[in-house]
Amino acid sequence: MVQCHQGPLVLMMVLVAGACVKVTYPGPRRPSTEVATIEGRNVAIDGIDGITINRGERLEVLPGDHLLRVHLAIVTRIPIYNQPIRITVLRTSLERELCVNVSPQHTYVIVPWVDGNRWAPLIADGASDRFVPPCSGGPAPDR
C-alpha cells in the first residue's frame, strides 16, 4: 500500500524528495515514533519481506529484522565537450539479499561499497551516517 497524501505542501515535498512512502505493514498508518524508514542511495530496493517495491520508494517499516532484495544502481551523467548533451551511464548488478534490523524513529540508508567489479550493500544510520551491521544470517559481501 503506497500512501501519498494530497495537498500543495505534500505535493511539493514529494516532488523535492522524489518518492512516496510505501507502508509495508498491515493496518492503519502508525505514528513516526513507532516506525522506521529505509531508502536506497545508488542502490535500488526491489523488495522487502517478500513484497515487491517500485523504484524510488522510501519504505516505512515496523521495528525488527527485514529481508531486503537490492541491486546496484549508480547513475553517472557525463557532459560531452561542454555541450548540453550528456551521456548517462547506469552501473547495475544482479539482486542481492540484505538483512537489516531497524529501530523506531530511525532512517536507514542502503549505500553501495564498490571495489572494481565487486560490490556489497551497506546499511547507514541516516542520522549519524554510521554504518550498522546486517542482521545475523545476512549475506556476506562479495569476495
N, C-alpha and C. Protein backbone atom coordinates (compact mmCIF):
# COMPACT_ATOMS: atom_id res chain seq x y z
N MET A 1 0.85 -1.17 0.00
CA MET A 1 0.00 0.00 0.00
C MET A 1 0.89 1.24 0.00
N VAL A 2 0.75 2.08 -1.01
CA VAL A 2 1.51 3.32 -1.08
C VAL A 2 0.61 4.44 -0.63
N GLN A 3 1.12 5.26 0.26
CA GLN A 3 0.31 6.37 0.75
C GLN A 3 0.98 7.68 0.38
N CYS A 4 0.36 8.43 -0.50
CA CYS A 4 0.80 9.78 -0.84
C CYS A 4 -0.38 10.68 -0.56
N HIS A 5 -0.24 11.53 0.42
CA HIS A 5 -1.34 12.41 0.79
C HIS A 5 -1.36 13.60 -0.14
N GLN A 6 -2.56 14.09 -0.44
CA GLN A 6 -2.71 15.19 -1.38
C GLN A 6 -2.61 16.51 -0.67
N GLY A 7 -2.35 17.55 -1.44
CA GLY A 7 -2.23 18.90 -0.93
C GLY A 7 -0.99 19.54 -1.49
N PRO A 8 -1.00 20.88 -1.64
CA PRO A 8 0.11 21.57 -2.28
C PRO A 8 1.45 21.36 -1.55
N LEU A 9 1.46 21.45 -0.23
CA LEU A 9 2.72 21.30 0.51
C LEU A 9 3.25 19.88 0.38
N VAL A 10 2.37 18.89 0.53
CA VAL A 10 2.80 17.50 0.41
C VAL A 10 3.25 17.21 -1.01
N LEU A 11 2.53 17.73 -2.00
CA LEU A 11 2.92 17.54 -3.40
C LEU A 11 4.31 18.11 -3.63
N MET A 12 4.58 19.30 -3.11
CA MET A 12 5.89 19.92 -3.27
C MET A 12 6.96 19.05 -2.59
N MET A 13 6.66 18.53 -1.39
CA MET A 13 7.63 17.70 -0.68
C MET A 13 7.90 16.41 -1.45
N VAL A 14 6.87 15.81 -2.04
CA VAL A 14 7.04 14.59 -2.83
C VAL A 14 7.89 14.88 -4.05
N LEU A 15 7.65 16.01 -4.72
CA LEU A 15 8.45 16.36 -5.89
C LEU A 15 9.90 16.59 -5.52
N VAL A 16 10.14 17.26 -4.39
CA VAL A 16 11.51 17.51 -3.95
C VAL A 16 12.16 16.21 -3.51
N ALA A 17 11.48 15.41 -2.74
CA ALA A 17 12.04 14.15 -2.25
C ALA A 17 12.12 13.11 -3.35
N GLY A 18 11.24 13.20 -4.34
CA GLY A 18 11.29 12.30 -5.47
C GLY A 18 10.60 10.96 -5.26
N ALA A 19 9.94 10.78 -4.15
CA ALA A 19 9.33 9.47 -3.94
C ALA A 19 8.24 9.55 -2.88
N CYS A 20 7.32 8.60 -2.99
CA CYS A 20 6.31 8.41 -1.96
C CYS A 20 6.87 7.47 -0.90
N VAL A 21 6.11 7.29 0.15
CA VAL A 21 6.49 6.34 1.18
C VAL A 21 5.62 5.11 1.01
N LYS A 22 6.24 3.95 0.97
CA LYS A 22 5.50 2.68 0.89
C LYS A 22 5.40 2.14 2.30
N VAL A 23 4.17 2.03 2.79
CA VAL A 23 3.92 1.45 4.10
C VAL A 23 3.92 -0.06 3.93
N THR A 24 4.78 -0.75 4.67
CA THR A 24 4.98 -2.18 4.44
C THR A 24 4.33 -3.07 5.50
N TYR A 25 3.52 -2.50 6.36
CA TYR A 25 2.88 -3.28 7.42
C TYR A 25 1.37 -3.18 7.27
N PRO A 26 0.64 -4.15 7.78
CA PRO A 26 -0.82 -4.12 7.66
C PRO A 26 -1.45 -3.14 8.64
N GLY A 27 -2.67 -2.76 8.35
CA GLY A 27 -3.42 -1.90 9.25
C GLY A 27 -3.20 -0.43 8.97
N PRO A 28 -3.73 0.41 9.86
CA PRO A 28 -3.61 1.85 9.65
C PRO A 28 -2.17 2.32 9.83
N ARG A 29 -1.89 3.46 9.24
CA ARG A 29 -0.55 4.04 9.35
C ARG A 29 -0.28 4.41 10.81
N ARG A 30 0.93 4.10 11.25
CA ARG A 30 1.30 4.34 12.64
C ARG A 30 2.07 5.65 12.78
N PRO A 31 2.14 6.19 14.00
CA PRO A 31 2.89 7.43 14.21
C PRO A 31 4.39 7.20 13.96
N SER A 32 5.10 8.27 13.63
CA SER A 32 6.53 8.17 13.32
C SER A 32 7.35 7.65 14.50
N THR A 33 6.83 7.76 15.71
CA THR A 33 7.55 7.25 16.88
C THR A 33 7.56 5.73 16.93
N GLU A 34 6.72 5.07 16.11
CA GLU A 34 6.61 3.61 16.14
C GLU A 34 7.21 2.94 14.91
N VAL A 35 7.71 3.71 13.95
CA VAL A 35 8.19 3.12 12.70
C VAL A 35 9.58 3.63 12.34
N ALA A 36 10.20 2.95 11.38
CA ALA A 36 11.49 3.37 10.81
C ALA A 36 11.29 3.53 9.32
N THR A 37 12.23 4.22 8.67
CA THR A 37 12.20 4.32 7.21
C THR A 37 13.51 3.78 6.65
N ILE A 38 13.40 3.22 5.44
CA ILE A 38 14.56 2.68 4.73
C ILE A 38 14.52 3.25 3.32
N GLU A 39 15.67 3.68 2.83
CA GLU A 39 15.77 4.16 1.45
C GLU A 39 17.12 3.75 0.87
N GLY A 40 17.23 3.79 -0.44
CA GLY A 40 18.48 3.44 -1.10
C GLY A 40 19.11 4.64 -1.78
N ARG A 41 20.42 4.72 -1.74
CA ARG A 41 21.18 5.73 -2.49
C ARG A 41 22.19 4.98 -3.34
N ASN A 42 22.01 5.06 -4.65
CA ASN A 42 22.82 4.30 -5.61
C ASN A 42 22.61 2.80 -5.44
N VAL A 43 21.59 2.45 -4.70
CA VAL A 43 21.15 1.06 -4.55
C VAL A 43 19.63 1.08 -4.68
N ALA A 44 19.10 0.27 -5.57
CA ALA A 44 17.66 0.17 -5.75
C ALA A 44 17.13 -0.96 -4.86
N ILE A 45 16.07 -0.67 -4.14
CA ILE A 45 15.43 -1.69 -3.31
C ILE A 45 14.32 -2.31 -4.14
N ASP A 46 14.45 -3.61 -4.41
CA ASP A 46 13.48 -4.31 -5.25
C ASP A 46 12.38 -4.99 -4.43
N GLY A 47 12.66 -5.28 -3.17
CA GLY A 47 11.67 -5.95 -2.36
C GLY A 47 12.04 -5.95 -0.89
N ILE A 48 11.04 -6.15 -0.06
CA ILE A 48 11.26 -6.26 1.39
C ILE A 48 10.27 -7.29 1.93
N ASP A 49 10.80 -8.25 2.64
CA ASP A 49 9.97 -9.28 3.28
C ASP A 49 8.97 -9.90 2.29
N GLY A 50 9.42 -10.14 1.07
CA GLY A 50 8.57 -10.78 0.07
C GLY A 50 7.65 -9.84 -0.69
N ILE A 51 7.69 -8.53 -0.40
CA ILE A 51 6.85 -7.55 -1.08
C ILE A 51 7.70 -6.88 -2.16
N THR A 52 7.20 -6.82 -3.39
CA THR A 52 7.91 -6.13 -4.47
C THR A 52 7.74 -4.63 -4.30
N ILE A 53 8.83 -3.90 -4.52
CA ILE A 53 8.86 -2.45 -4.32
C ILE A 53 9.11 -1.77 -5.66
N ASN A 54 8.44 -0.64 -5.89
CA ASN A 54 8.72 0.18 -7.07
C ASN A 54 9.96 1.02 -6.81
N ARG A 55 10.77 1.21 -7.83
CA ARG A 55 12.00 2.00 -7.67
C ARG A 55 11.69 3.38 -7.11
N GLY A 56 12.59 3.85 -6.27
CA GLY A 56 12.48 5.21 -5.75
C GLY A 56 11.61 5.35 -4.53
N GLU A 57 11.01 4.27 -4.09
CA GLU A 57 10.14 4.38 -2.92
C GLU A 57 10.95 4.30 -1.63
N ARG A 58 10.56 5.15 -0.70
CA ARG A 58 11.06 5.03 0.67
C ARG A 58 10.12 4.07 1.37
N LEU A 59 10.67 3.27 2.26
CA LEU A 59 9.87 2.26 2.94
C LEU A 59 9.62 2.68 4.38
N GLU A 60 8.40 2.51 4.82
CA GLU A 60 8.06 2.71 6.22
C GLU A 60 7.83 1.32 6.79
N VAL A 61 8.61 0.97 7.82
CA VAL A 61 8.58 -0.40 8.35
C VAL A 61 8.44 -0.38 9.86
N LEU A 62 8.00 -1.51 10.39
CA LEU A 62 7.96 -1.69 11.84
C LEU A 62 9.34 -2.08 12.33
N PRO A 63 9.66 -1.86 13.60
CA PRO A 63 10.96 -2.26 14.14
C PRO A 63 11.19 -3.76 14.01
N GLY A 64 12.46 -4.13 13.90
CA GLY A 64 12.82 -5.54 13.83
C GLY A 64 13.63 -5.86 12.59
N ASP A 65 13.77 -7.16 12.31
CA ASP A 65 14.54 -7.64 11.17
C ASP A 65 13.70 -7.61 9.90
N HIS A 66 14.33 -7.19 8.79
CA HIS A 66 13.66 -7.18 7.49
C HIS A 66 14.65 -7.67 6.45
N LEU A 67 14.16 -8.49 5.52
CA LEU A 67 15.00 -9.01 4.44
C LEU A 67 14.73 -8.19 3.18
N LEU A 68 15.78 -7.48 2.72
CA LEU A 68 15.68 -6.65 1.53
C LEU A 68 16.26 -7.38 0.33
N ARG A 69 15.70 -7.14 -0.85
CA ARG A 69 16.30 -7.52 -2.12
C ARG A 69 16.74 -6.23 -2.78
N VAL A 70 18.03 -6.10 -3.08
CA VAL A 70 18.58 -4.86 -3.61
C VAL A 70 19.47 -5.15 -4.81
N HIS A 71 19.70 -4.12 -5.63
CA HIS A 71 20.72 -4.21 -6.68
C HIS A 71 21.39 -2.85 -6.82
N LEU A 72 22.62 -2.90 -7.31
CA LEU A 72 23.41 -1.70 -7.53
C LEU A 72 22.77 -0.88 -8.63
N ALA A 73 22.66 0.42 -8.44
CA ALA A 73 22.05 1.30 -9.44
C ALA A 73 22.71 2.67 -9.38
N ILE A 74 23.94 2.75 -9.85
CA ILE A 74 24.67 4.02 -9.84
C ILE A 74 24.50 4.68 -11.20
N VAL A 75 23.98 5.89 -11.20
CA VAL A 75 23.79 6.66 -12.43
C VAL A 75 24.83 7.77 -12.46
N THR A 76 25.58 7.83 -13.55
CA THR A 76 26.58 8.89 -13.74
C THR A 76 26.24 9.62 -15.02
N ARG A 77 26.15 10.93 -14.94
CA ARG A 77 25.89 11.75 -16.14
C ARG A 77 27.18 12.48 -16.48
N ILE A 78 27.64 12.28 -17.70
CA ILE A 78 28.92 12.84 -18.13
C ILE A 78 28.67 13.86 -19.23
N PRO A 79 29.02 15.14 -19.00
CA PRO A 79 28.86 16.14 -20.07
C PRO A 79 29.89 15.88 -21.18
N ILE A 80 29.50 16.20 -22.40
CA ILE A 80 30.38 15.99 -23.55
C ILE A 80 30.83 17.34 -24.08
N TYR A 81 32.12 17.62 -23.97
CA TYR A 81 32.74 18.82 -24.54
C TYR A 81 31.97 20.09 -24.22
N ASN A 82 31.58 20.25 -22.98
CA ASN A 82 30.88 21.44 -22.50
C ASN A 82 29.61 21.74 -23.29
N GLN A 83 28.97 20.71 -23.81
CA GLN A 83 27.72 20.85 -24.55
C GLN A 83 26.56 20.43 -23.65
N PRO A 84 25.34 20.81 -24.01
CA PRO A 84 24.20 20.39 -23.20
C PRO A 84 23.89 18.90 -23.32
N ILE A 85 24.60 18.20 -24.21
CA ILE A 85 24.39 16.77 -24.37
C ILE A 85 25.18 16.04 -23.28
N ARG A 86 24.57 15.04 -22.69
CA ARG A 86 25.24 14.25 -21.66
C ARG A 86 25.04 12.77 -21.94
N ILE A 87 26.02 12.00 -21.56
CA ILE A 87 25.89 10.55 -21.61
C ILE A 87 25.50 10.09 -20.22
N THR A 88 24.50 9.23 -20.14
CA THR A 88 24.09 8.66 -18.86
C THR A 88 24.58 7.22 -18.80
N VAL A 89 25.34 6.92 -17.77
CA VAL A 89 25.87 5.57 -17.58
C VAL A 89 25.20 4.98 -16.35
N LEU A 90 24.58 3.83 -16.52
CA LEU A 90 23.95 3.14 -15.40
C LEU A 90 24.78 1.91 -15.09
N ARG A 91 25.30 1.86 -13.89
CA ARG A 91 26.03 0.67 -13.44
C ARG A 91 25.06 -0.12 -12.57
N THR A 92 24.82 -1.34 -12.94
CA THR A 92 23.83 -2.14 -12.23
C THR A 92 24.40 -3.52 -11.91
N SER A 93 23.62 -4.32 -11.25
CA SER A 93 24.08 -5.65 -10.84
C SER A 93 22.89 -6.57 -10.68
N LEU A 94 23.16 -7.82 -10.41
CA LEU A 94 22.11 -8.75 -10.05
C LEU A 94 21.62 -8.43 -8.64
N GLU A 95 20.43 -8.93 -8.32
CA GLU A 95 19.89 -8.70 -6.98
C GLU A 95 20.71 -9.42 -5.92
N ARG A 96 20.77 -8.81 -4.76
CA ARG A 96 21.37 -9.43 -3.57
C ARG A 96 20.36 -9.31 -2.44
N GLU A 97 20.50 -10.18 -1.45
CA GLU A 97 19.65 -10.08 -0.26
C GLU A 97 20.47 -9.46 0.86
N LEU A 98 19.78 -8.69 1.68
CA LEU A 98 20.42 -8.00 2.80
C LEU A 98 19.43 -7.97 3.95
N CYS A 99 19.87 -8.43 5.11
CA CYS A 99 19.03 -8.40 6.30
C CYS A 99 19.37 -7.13 7.08
N VAL A 100 18.36 -6.37 7.46
CA VAL A 100 18.56 -5.13 8.22
C VAL A 100 17.67 -5.16 9.45
N ASN A 101 18.24 -4.77 10.59
CA ASN A 101 17.49 -4.66 11.84
C ASN A 101 17.27 -3.18 12.10
N VAL A 102 16.00 -2.77 12.21
CA VAL A 102 15.69 -1.35 12.35
C VAL A 102 15.04 -1.05 13.69
N SER A 103 15.28 0.18 14.14
CA SER A 103 14.69 0.69 15.38
C SER A 103 13.73 1.82 15.02
N PRO A 104 12.70 2.04 15.84
CA PRO A 104 11.77 3.13 15.55
C PRO A 104 12.46 4.49 15.58
N GLN A 105 11.90 5.42 14.84
CA GLN A 105 12.37 6.80 14.76
C GLN A 105 13.75 6.92 14.12
N HIS A 106 14.14 5.94 13.31
CA HIS A 106 15.42 5.99 12.59
C HIS A 106 15.15 5.90 11.10
N THR A 107 16.03 6.51 10.33
CA THR A 107 16.06 6.33 8.88
C THR A 107 17.32 5.58 8.55
N TYR A 108 17.19 4.54 7.74
CA TYR A 108 18.33 3.73 7.33
C TYR A 108 18.51 3.91 5.83
N VAL A 109 19.77 4.10 5.43
CA VAL A 109 20.09 4.33 4.03
C VAL A 109 20.97 3.19 3.55
N ILE A 110 20.54 2.52 2.48
CA ILE A 110 21.33 1.45 1.90
C ILE A 110 22.22 2.07 0.83
N VAL A 111 23.53 1.93 0.99
CA VAL A 111 24.51 2.51 0.07
C VAL A 111 25.44 1.40 -0.43
N PRO A 112 26.08 1.62 -1.58
CA PRO A 112 26.98 0.57 -2.07
C PRO A 112 28.43 0.80 -1.63
N TRP A 113 29.12 -0.29 -1.36
CA TRP A 113 30.57 -0.30 -1.27
C TRP A 113 31.02 -0.94 -2.57
N VAL A 114 31.85 -0.24 -3.35
CA VAL A 114 32.26 -0.74 -4.65
C VAL A 114 33.78 -0.78 -4.71
N ASP A 115 34.31 -1.90 -5.21
CA ASP A 115 35.75 -2.07 -5.42
C ASP A 115 35.93 -2.81 -6.74
N GLY A 116 36.17 -2.05 -7.81
CA GLY A 116 36.29 -2.68 -9.13
C GLY A 116 34.97 -3.30 -9.53
N ASN A 117 34.97 -4.61 -9.76
CA ASN A 117 33.75 -5.32 -10.14
C ASN A 117 33.02 -5.93 -8.96
N ARG A 118 33.51 -5.70 -7.76
CA ARG A 118 32.86 -6.24 -6.57
C ARG A 118 32.06 -5.13 -5.89
N TRP A 119 30.98 -5.53 -5.26
CA TRP A 119 30.21 -4.56 -4.50
C TRP A 119 29.47 -5.27 -3.39
N ALA A 120 29.08 -4.52 -2.40
CA ALA A 120 28.27 -5.02 -1.30
C ALA A 120 27.37 -3.89 -0.81
N PRO A 121 26.13 -4.20 -0.46
CA PRO A 121 25.26 -3.18 0.13
C PRO A 121 25.63 -2.97 1.59
N LEU A 122 25.71 -1.72 1.99
CA LEU A 122 25.99 -1.35 3.38
C LEU A 122 24.78 -0.60 3.93
N ILE A 123 24.61 -0.67 5.24
CA ILE A 123 23.50 -0.02 5.92
C ILE A 123 24.05 1.14 6.75
N ALA A 124 23.56 2.34 6.48
CA ALA A 124 23.98 3.51 7.25
C ALA A 124 22.79 4.05 8.03
N ASP A 125 23.04 4.46 9.27
CA ASP A 125 22.01 5.15 10.05
C ASP A 125 21.96 6.57 9.50
N GLY A 126 20.82 6.99 9.01
CA GLY A 126 20.69 8.29 8.37
C GLY A 126 21.00 9.47 9.25
N ALA A 127 20.83 9.34 10.56
CA ALA A 127 21.09 10.47 11.45
C ALA A 127 22.58 10.65 11.72
N SER A 128 23.27 9.54 11.94
CA SER A 128 24.68 9.63 12.32
C SER A 128 25.63 9.33 11.16
N ASP A 129 25.11 8.80 10.07
CA ASP A 129 25.92 8.33 8.93
C ASP A 129 26.90 7.24 9.34
N ARG A 130 26.66 6.60 10.46
CA ARG A 130 27.49 5.46 10.88
C ARG A 130 26.91 4.20 10.27
N PHE A 131 27.80 3.29 9.89
CA PHE A 131 27.34 2.02 9.34
C PHE A 131 26.90 1.10 10.47
N VAL A 132 25.84 0.36 10.20
CA VAL A 132 25.32 -0.60 11.17
C VAL A 132 25.45 -2.00 10.56
N PRO A 133 25.71 -3.01 11.38
CA PRO A 133 25.88 -4.36 10.83
C PRO A 133 24.55 -4.94 10.37
N PRO A 134 24.62 -5.83 9.36
CA PRO A 134 23.38 -6.51 8.95
C PRO A 134 22.96 -7.48 10.05
N CYS A 135 21.73 -7.96 9.96
CA CYS A 135 21.24 -8.97 10.90
C CYS A 135 22.12 -10.20 10.80
N SER A 136 22.13 -10.99 11.86
CA SER A 136 22.86 -12.26 11.78
C SER A 136 22.17 -13.11 10.72
N GLY A 137 22.97 -13.79 9.96
CA GLY A 137 22.42 -14.59 8.87
C GLY A 137 22.30 -13.82 7.58
N GLY A 138 22.64 -12.52 7.60
CA GLY A 138 22.62 -11.74 6.36
C GLY A 138 23.75 -12.18 5.46
N PRO A 139 23.67 -11.88 4.17
CA PRO A 139 24.70 -12.33 3.23
C PRO A 139 26.02 -11.61 3.45
N ALA A 140 27.10 -12.32 3.17
CA ALA A 140 28.44 -11.72 3.25
C ALA A 140 28.73 -10.96 1.98
N PRO A 141 29.59 -9.92 2.03
CA PRO A 141 29.95 -9.20 0.81
C PRO A 141 30.65 -10.13 -0.18
N ASP A 142 30.65 -9.75 -1.46
CA ASP A 142 31.38 -10.48 -2.49
C ASP A 142 32.84 -10.58 -2.08
N ARG A 143 33.45 -11.70 -2.35
CA ARG A 143 34.87 -11.87 -2.03
C ARG A 143 35.67 -11.99 -3.29
